[in-house]
Amino acid sequence: MLLSACAVVTSMPQVDLADAGWTVWSGQAVWRPRAERPSLAGELIVARNVRGDVLVNFSKPPFSIFTAQTSEGSWKIDFIESERSYSGKGRPPKRFVWFYLPDILGGAPPPGNWTAEPAAEDEWKIVSTKTGEAIRLVIDR
């Protein structure tokens, strides 16, 4: 079933966040990929355009850790260092909560086995109750 939900998307369109119609949040994040793994701190850009396309980039300058993007019914996430990519058609899998950050930042509940709670003003804690993956976000205003 998982294989039928994923299709190969080789490339996504280039995004210019300065174009009209994009809402951009930026800040810092601490990401723990799994409960038993160490946390990574870095810079985060989250953006969504008026069509609902999403772009998320997590980096530890000068290196990008991953980029997640949706466009016209397709999604793709590239983990740069490990040279892994996942892609498909339709809604992104709930395990990649990064695609859902614009909704969460807008007050929507997180998908699936995720919890999200404000930790302070402009700060969120997002946790997978299934894997222990955790994200702490601080958005610049």
N, C-alpha and C. Protein backbone atom coordinates (compact mmCIF):
# COMPACT_ATOMS: atom_id res chain seq x y z
N MET A 1 0.82 -1.18 0.00
CA MET A 1 0.00 0.00 0.00
C MET A 1 0.87 1.26 0.00
N LEU A 2 1.95 1.24 0.77
CA LEU A 2 2.84 2.39 0.80
C LEU A 2 3.44 2.64 -0.57
N LEU A 3 3.84 1.59 -1.26
CA LEU A 3 4.43 1.77 -2.57
C LEU A 3 3.43 2.34 -3.57
N SER A 4 2.17 1.95 -3.46
CA SER A 4 1.19 2.48 -4.39
C SER A 4 0.90 3.95 -4.13
N ALA A 5 1.16 4.42 -2.93
CA ALA A 5 0.91 5.83 -2.60
C ALA A 5 2.05 6.72 -3.03
N CYS A 6 3.20 6.17 -3.32
CA CYS A 6 4.35 6.97 -3.70
C CYS A 6 4.64 6.80 -5.18
N ALA A 7 4.85 7.88 -5.84
CA ALA A 7 5.27 7.86 -7.23
C ALA A 7 6.53 8.70 -7.32
N VAL A 8 7.34 8.43 -8.30
CA VAL A 8 8.59 9.16 -8.42
C VAL A 8 8.32 10.54 -8.99
N VAL A 9 8.73 11.54 -8.26
CA VAL A 9 8.68 12.93 -8.72
C VAL A 9 10.13 13.35 -8.82
N THR A 10 10.62 13.53 -10.03
CA THR A 10 12.05 13.77 -10.20
C THR A 10 12.48 15.18 -9.83
N SER A 11 11.64 16.16 -10.10
CA SER A 11 12.03 17.53 -9.75
C SER A 11 10.79 18.35 -9.43
N MET A 12 11.02 19.40 -8.69
CA MET A 12 9.95 20.32 -8.33
C MET A 12 10.30 21.67 -8.93
N PRO A 13 9.31 22.51 -9.15
CA PRO A 13 9.61 23.83 -9.73
C PRO A 13 10.43 24.70 -8.79
N GLN A 14 11.22 25.56 -9.35
CA GLN A 14 11.98 26.53 -8.56
C GLN A 14 11.00 27.49 -7.89
N VAL A 15 11.33 27.92 -6.70
CA VAL A 15 10.47 28.82 -5.93
C VAL A 15 11.22 30.11 -5.67
N ASP A 16 10.53 31.22 -5.88
CA ASP A 16 11.05 32.54 -5.52
C ASP A 16 10.13 33.09 -4.44
N LEU A 17 10.57 33.05 -3.21
CA LEU A 17 9.74 33.47 -2.08
C LEU A 17 9.44 34.97 -2.10
N ALA A 18 10.12 35.72 -2.96
CA ALA A 18 9.84 37.15 -3.09
C ALA A 18 8.64 37.40 -4.00
N ASP A 19 8.20 36.36 -4.73
CA ASP A 19 7.03 36.51 -5.59
C ASP A 19 5.79 36.79 -4.74
N ALA A 20 4.87 37.55 -5.30
CA ALA A 20 3.61 37.84 -4.62
C ALA A 20 2.87 36.53 -4.34
N GLY A 21 2.19 36.48 -3.23
CA GLY A 21 1.38 35.31 -2.92
C GLY A 21 2.01 34.33 -1.94
N TRP A 22 3.27 34.53 -1.58
CA TRP A 22 3.92 33.65 -0.62
C TRP A 22 3.86 34.26 0.78
N THR A 23 3.49 33.44 1.76
CA THR A 23 3.60 33.80 3.17
C THR A 23 4.79 33.03 3.70
N VAL A 24 5.72 33.74 4.34
CA VAL A 24 6.97 33.12 4.79
C VAL A 24 7.14 33.30 6.29
N TRP A 25 7.45 32.20 6.97
CA TRP A 25 7.84 32.23 8.38
C TRP A 25 9.30 31.80 8.42
N SER A 26 10.09 32.43 9.25
CA SER A 26 11.48 32.00 9.42
C SER A 26 11.81 32.01 10.89
N GLY A 27 12.79 31.22 11.24
CA GLY A 27 13.19 31.15 12.63
C GLY A 27 14.21 30.06 12.85
N GLN A 28 14.20 29.53 14.06
CA GLN A 28 15.15 28.48 14.43
C GLN A 28 14.35 27.25 14.84
N ALA A 29 15.01 26.11 14.68
CA ALA A 29 14.37 24.85 15.09
C ALA A 29 15.41 23.94 15.70
N VAL A 30 14.95 23.12 16.62
CA VAL A 30 15.74 22.01 17.15
C VAL A 30 14.95 20.76 16.80
N TRP A 31 15.57 19.88 16.03
CA TRP A 31 14.89 18.69 15.52
C TRP A 31 15.58 17.43 16.04
N ARG A 32 14.81 16.57 16.66
CA ARG A 32 15.30 15.26 17.08
C ARG A 32 14.57 14.24 16.20
N PRO A 33 15.28 13.65 15.21
CA PRO A 33 14.63 12.75 14.25
C PRO A 33 13.97 11.51 14.87
N ARG A 34 14.53 10.99 15.92
CA ARG A 34 13.97 9.84 16.64
C ARG A 34 14.33 10.00 18.11
N ALA A 35 13.60 9.32 18.97
CA ALA A 35 13.81 9.45 20.41
C ALA A 35 15.25 9.12 20.80
N GLU A 36 15.86 8.15 20.12
CA GLU A 36 17.21 7.72 20.49
C GLU A 36 18.32 8.49 19.77
N ARG A 37 17.98 9.44 18.92
CA ARG A 37 18.97 10.19 18.16
C ARG A 37 19.23 11.56 18.79
N PRO A 38 20.40 12.11 18.57
CA PRO A 38 20.67 13.46 19.09
C PRO A 38 19.89 14.52 18.31
N SER A 39 19.72 15.66 18.90
CA SER A 39 19.00 16.77 18.28
C SER A 39 19.91 17.56 17.37
N LEU A 40 19.32 18.16 16.35
CA LEU A 40 20.02 19.05 15.43
C LEU A 40 19.39 20.44 15.54
N ALA A 41 20.21 21.46 15.70
CA ALA A 41 19.70 22.83 15.73
C ALA A 41 20.02 23.50 14.41
N GLY A 42 19.11 24.31 13.92
CA GLY A 42 19.36 24.99 12.66
C GLY A 42 18.35 26.07 12.38
N GLU A 43 18.46 26.62 11.18
CA GLU A 43 17.56 27.67 10.73
C GLU A 43 16.45 27.06 9.90
N LEU A 44 15.27 27.64 10.01
CA LEU A 44 14.09 27.09 9.36
C LEU A 44 13.39 28.17 8.55
N ILE A 45 13.00 27.81 7.34
CA ILE A 45 12.14 28.65 6.51
C ILE A 45 10.92 27.80 6.17
N VAL A 46 9.75 28.34 6.43
CA VAL A 46 8.48 27.70 6.11
C VAL A 46 7.69 28.68 5.26
N ALA A 47 7.19 28.22 4.12
CA ALA A 47 6.45 29.12 3.23
C ALA A 47 5.27 28.39 2.59
N ARG A 48 4.21 29.17 2.34
CA ARG A 48 3.05 28.64 1.62
C ARG A 48 2.53 29.74 0.71
N ASN A 49 2.16 29.36 -0.50
CA ASN A 49 1.61 30.36 -1.41
C ASN A 49 0.09 30.28 -1.45
N VAL A 50 -0.52 31.18 -2.20
CA VAL A 50 -1.98 31.27 -2.24
C VAL A 50 -2.62 30.02 -2.85
N ARG A 51 -1.88 29.25 -3.64
CA ARG A 51 -2.40 28.00 -4.21
C ARG A 51 -2.29 26.84 -3.23
N GLY A 52 -1.60 27.07 -2.09
CA GLY A 52 -1.42 26.01 -1.11
C GLY A 52 -0.12 25.25 -1.24
N ASP A 53 0.73 25.62 -2.21
CA ASP A 53 2.05 24.99 -2.33
C ASP A 53 2.89 25.34 -1.11
N VAL A 54 3.72 24.40 -0.68
CA VAL A 54 4.52 24.55 0.53
C VAL A 54 6.00 24.36 0.21
N LEU A 55 6.84 25.13 0.88
CA LEU A 55 8.29 24.94 0.83
C LEU A 55 8.81 25.06 2.26
N VAL A 56 9.60 24.07 2.67
CA VAL A 56 10.24 24.09 3.99
C VAL A 56 11.70 23.75 3.79
N ASN A 57 12.57 24.57 4.37
CA ASN A 57 14.00 24.29 4.32
C ASN A 57 14.57 24.38 5.72
N PHE A 58 15.27 23.32 6.12
CA PHE A 58 15.94 23.27 7.42
C PHE A 58 17.42 23.19 7.14
N SER A 59 18.19 24.11 7.70
CA SER A 59 19.61 24.16 7.38
C SER A 59 20.44 24.52 8.61
N LYS A 60 21.68 24.14 8.53
CA LYS A 60 22.69 24.55 9.50
C LYS A 60 23.76 25.21 8.63
N PRO A 61 23.59 26.54 8.39
CA PRO A 61 24.46 27.21 7.43
C PRO A 61 25.93 26.88 7.64
N PRO A 62 26.60 26.59 6.57
CA PRO A 62 26.20 26.78 5.17
C PRO A 62 25.55 25.55 4.54
N PHE A 63 25.13 24.56 5.32
CA PHE A 63 24.62 23.30 4.78
C PHE A 63 23.11 23.18 4.94
N SER A 64 22.46 22.70 3.89
CA SER A 64 21.04 22.40 3.97
C SER A 64 20.89 20.98 4.50
N ILE A 65 20.01 20.78 5.45
CA ILE A 65 19.77 19.45 6.00
C ILE A 65 18.68 18.76 5.19
N PHE A 66 17.58 19.46 4.93
CA PHE A 66 16.56 18.93 4.03
C PHE A 66 15.72 20.06 3.46
N THR A 67 15.07 19.74 2.35
CA THR A 67 14.09 20.62 1.73
C THR A 67 12.85 19.79 1.44
N ALA A 68 11.70 20.31 1.84
CA ALA A 68 10.41 19.66 1.57
C ALA A 68 9.58 20.63 0.74
N GLN A 69 8.91 20.10 -0.28
CA GLN A 69 8.14 20.98 -1.16
C GLN A 69 6.92 20.25 -1.70
N THR A 70 5.82 20.99 -1.82
CA THR A 70 4.64 20.50 -2.54
C THR A 70 4.37 21.46 -3.68
N SER A 71 3.82 20.92 -4.76
CA SER A 71 3.46 21.74 -5.90
C SER A 71 2.49 20.97 -6.78
N GLU A 72 1.35 21.58 -7.05
CA GLU A 72 0.38 21.04 -7.98
C GLU A 72 0.08 19.56 -7.77
N GLY A 73 -0.19 19.18 -6.53
CA GLY A 73 -0.58 17.82 -6.23
C GLY A 73 0.54 16.81 -6.08
N SER A 74 1.79 17.27 -6.08
CA SER A 74 2.95 16.40 -5.86
C SER A 74 3.71 16.88 -4.64
N TRP A 75 4.50 15.99 -4.05
CA TRP A 75 5.32 16.36 -2.91
C TRP A 75 6.67 15.67 -3.03
N LYS A 76 7.66 16.29 -2.40
CA LYS A 76 9.02 15.73 -2.40
C LYS A 76 9.77 16.26 -1.18
N ILE A 77 10.53 15.37 -0.55
CA ILE A 77 11.42 15.79 0.54
C ILE A 77 12.79 15.20 0.25
N ASP A 78 13.81 16.06 0.28
CA ASP A 78 15.20 15.66 0.01
C ASP A 78 16.01 15.85 1.27
N PHE A 79 16.57 14.75 1.79
CA PHE A 79 17.49 14.80 2.92
C PHE A 79 18.89 14.85 2.31
N ILE A 80 19.50 16.01 2.35
CA ILE A 80 20.72 16.28 1.60
C ILE A 80 21.90 15.42 2.04
N GLU A 81 22.20 15.42 3.32
CA GLU A 81 23.40 14.72 3.81
C GLU A 81 23.33 13.22 3.57
N SER A 82 22.17 12.62 3.81
CA SER A 82 22.06 11.17 3.65
C SER A 82 21.70 10.78 2.22
N GLU A 83 21.55 11.78 1.35
CA GLU A 83 21.25 11.55 -0.06
C GLU A 83 20.01 10.67 -0.24
N ARG A 84 18.97 10.95 0.57
CA ARG A 84 17.69 10.23 0.44
C ARG A 84 16.62 11.21 0.01
N SER A 85 15.74 10.73 -0.85
CA SER A 85 14.60 11.52 -1.30
C SER A 85 13.36 10.65 -1.27
N TYR A 86 12.24 11.27 -0.93
CA TYR A 86 10.94 10.61 -0.96
C TYR A 86 10.00 11.54 -1.71
N SER A 87 9.12 10.97 -2.53
CA SER A 87 8.21 11.81 -3.29
C SER A 87 6.95 11.04 -3.62
N GLY A 88 5.94 11.79 -4.04
CA GLY A 88 4.70 11.13 -4.43
C GLY A 88 3.67 12.13 -4.91
N LYS A 89 2.50 11.62 -5.17
CA LYS A 89 1.36 12.43 -5.61
C LYS A 89 0.35 12.51 -4.47
N GLY A 90 -0.46 13.56 -4.48
CA GLY A 90 -1.48 13.72 -3.46
C GLY A 90 -0.92 14.37 -2.20
N ARG A 91 -1.59 14.13 -1.07
CA ARG A 91 -1.14 14.70 0.21
C ARG A 91 0.13 13.99 0.68
N PRO A 92 1.08 14.74 1.24
CA PRO A 92 2.29 14.11 1.77
C PRO A 92 1.95 13.20 2.95
N PRO A 93 2.77 12.18 3.18
CA PRO A 93 2.54 11.30 4.34
C PRO A 93 2.60 12.08 5.65
N LYS A 94 1.77 11.68 6.59
CA LYS A 94 1.71 12.36 7.88
C LYS A 94 3.00 12.23 8.66
N ARG A 95 3.81 11.23 8.34
CA ARG A 95 5.08 11.07 9.08
C ARG A 95 6.04 12.22 8.81
N PHE A 96 5.88 12.90 7.68
CA PHE A 96 6.69 14.08 7.36
C PHE A 96 5.91 15.33 7.77
N VAL A 97 5.91 15.62 9.06
CA VAL A 97 5.10 16.72 9.59
C VAL A 97 5.53 18.07 9.03
N TRP A 98 6.73 18.14 8.49
CA TRP A 98 7.24 19.40 7.94
C TRP A 98 6.29 20.01 6.92
N PHE A 99 5.66 19.17 6.10
CA PHE A 99 4.72 19.67 5.09
C PHE A 99 3.50 20.34 5.71
N TYR A 100 3.21 20.00 6.95
CA TYR A 100 2.02 20.50 7.63
C TYR A 100 2.30 21.71 8.52
N LEU A 101 3.55 22.17 8.56
CA LEU A 101 3.89 23.30 9.43
C LEU A 101 3.10 24.57 9.14
N PRO A 102 2.86 24.96 7.86
CA PRO A 102 2.06 26.17 7.67
C PRO A 102 0.68 26.07 8.32
N ASP A 103 0.06 24.90 8.23
CA ASP A 103 -1.25 24.71 8.87
C ASP A 103 -1.14 24.79 10.38
N ILE A 104 -0.13 24.12 10.94
CA ILE A 104 0.06 24.12 12.39
C ILE A 104 0.34 25.53 12.89
N LEU A 105 1.20 26.28 12.19
CA LEU A 105 1.49 27.65 12.59
C LEU A 105 0.26 28.54 12.48
N GLY A 106 -0.68 28.15 11.63
CA GLY A 106 -1.93 28.88 11.50
C GLY A 106 -3.00 28.45 12.48
N GLY A 107 -2.69 27.47 13.35
CA GLY A 107 -3.62 27.06 14.38
C GLY A 107 -4.33 25.74 14.13
N ALA A 108 -4.08 25.09 13.00
CA ALA A 108 -4.72 23.80 12.71
C ALA A 108 -4.08 22.69 13.54
N PRO A 109 -4.83 21.64 13.82
CA PRO A 109 -4.23 20.52 14.55
C PRO A 109 -3.23 19.77 13.66
N PRO A 110 -2.23 19.15 14.26
CA PRO A 110 -1.26 18.39 13.48
C PRO A 110 -1.87 17.09 12.96
N PRO A 111 -1.25 16.47 11.96
CA PRO A 111 -1.78 15.24 11.40
C PRO A 111 -1.46 14.01 12.26
N GLY A 112 -2.23 12.97 12.08
CA GLY A 112 -1.92 11.65 12.61
C GLY A 112 -1.48 11.58 14.05
N ASN A 113 -0.34 10.94 14.28
CA ASN A 113 0.20 10.69 15.62
C ASN A 113 1.06 11.84 16.13
N TRP A 114 0.79 13.05 15.70
CA TRP A 114 1.56 14.22 16.12
C TRP A 114 0.76 15.06 17.11
N THR A 115 1.49 15.67 18.04
CA THR A 115 0.90 16.67 18.92
C THR A 115 1.64 17.98 18.70
N ALA A 116 0.93 19.07 18.87
CA ALA A 116 1.56 20.39 18.73
C ALA A 116 1.00 21.28 19.82
N GLU A 117 1.90 21.94 20.51
CA GLU A 117 1.45 22.87 21.54
C GLU A 117 2.36 24.08 21.57
N PRO A 118 1.76 25.25 21.76
CA PRO A 118 2.59 26.44 21.92
C PRO A 118 3.41 26.30 23.20
N ALA A 119 4.71 26.57 23.11
CA ALA A 119 5.57 26.52 24.29
C ALA A 119 5.74 27.91 24.88
N ALA A 120 5.59 28.92 24.05
CA ALA A 120 5.67 30.33 24.45
C ALA A 120 5.20 31.12 23.24
N GLU A 121 5.22 32.44 23.34
CA GLU A 121 4.83 33.25 22.18
C GLU A 121 5.79 32.97 21.03
N ASP A 122 5.24 32.65 19.86
CA ASP A 122 6.03 32.36 18.65
C ASP A 122 6.91 31.12 18.80
N GLU A 123 6.55 30.22 19.71
CA GLU A 123 7.32 29.01 19.92
C GLU A 123 6.37 27.81 20.01
N TRP A 124 6.73 26.74 19.30
CA TRP A 124 5.91 25.53 19.29
C TRP A 124 6.76 24.31 19.57
N LYS A 125 6.12 23.32 20.19
CA LYS A 125 6.73 22.02 20.40
C LYS A 125 5.84 21.00 19.70
N ILE A 126 6.40 20.27 18.75
CA ILE A 126 5.66 19.31 17.94
C ILE A 126 6.33 17.95 18.13
N VAL A 127 5.54 16.94 18.51
CA VAL A 127 6.10 15.63 18.87
C VAL A 127 5.29 14.52 18.23
N SER A 128 5.97 13.51 17.72
CA SER A 128 5.32 12.28 17.25
C SER A 128 5.18 11.33 18.42
N THR A 129 3.96 10.97 18.75
CA THR A 129 3.73 10.02 19.85
C THR A 129 4.12 8.61 19.43
N LYS A 130 4.31 8.39 18.14
CA LYS A 130 4.66 7.06 17.63
C LYS A 130 6.18 6.82 17.63
N THR A 131 6.96 7.81 17.16
CA THR A 131 8.40 7.60 16.98
C THR A 131 9.27 8.37 17.95
N GLY A 132 8.71 9.35 18.64
CA GLY A 132 9.52 10.20 19.52
C GLY A 132 10.19 11.34 18.78
N GLU A 133 9.99 11.44 17.46
CA GLU A 133 10.52 12.58 16.73
C GLU A 133 9.97 13.85 17.34
N ALA A 134 10.80 14.87 17.50
CA ALA A 134 10.37 16.10 18.13
C ALA A 134 10.97 17.31 17.43
N ILE A 135 10.17 18.36 17.37
CA ILE A 135 10.61 19.62 16.76
C ILE A 135 10.22 20.74 17.70
N ARG A 136 11.16 21.59 17.98
CA ARG A 136 10.88 22.81 18.75
C ARG A 136 11.18 23.98 17.82
N LEU A 137 10.17 24.80 17.57
CA LEU A 137 10.29 25.92 16.65
C LEU A 137 10.21 27.24 17.37
N VAL A 138 11.03 28.17 16.98
CA VAL A 138 10.91 29.56 17.43
C VAL A 138 10.86 30.39 16.15
N ILE A 139 9.72 31.04 15.92
CA ILE A 139 9.52 31.81 14.71
C ILE A 139 9.84 33.26 14.98
N ASP A 140 10.64 33.86 14.09
CA ASP A 140 10.98 35.29 14.20
C ASP A 140 9.78 36.11 13.75
N ARG A 141 9.58 37.22 14.41
CA ARG A 141 8.50 38.14 14.02
C ARG A 141 9.08 39.44 13.56
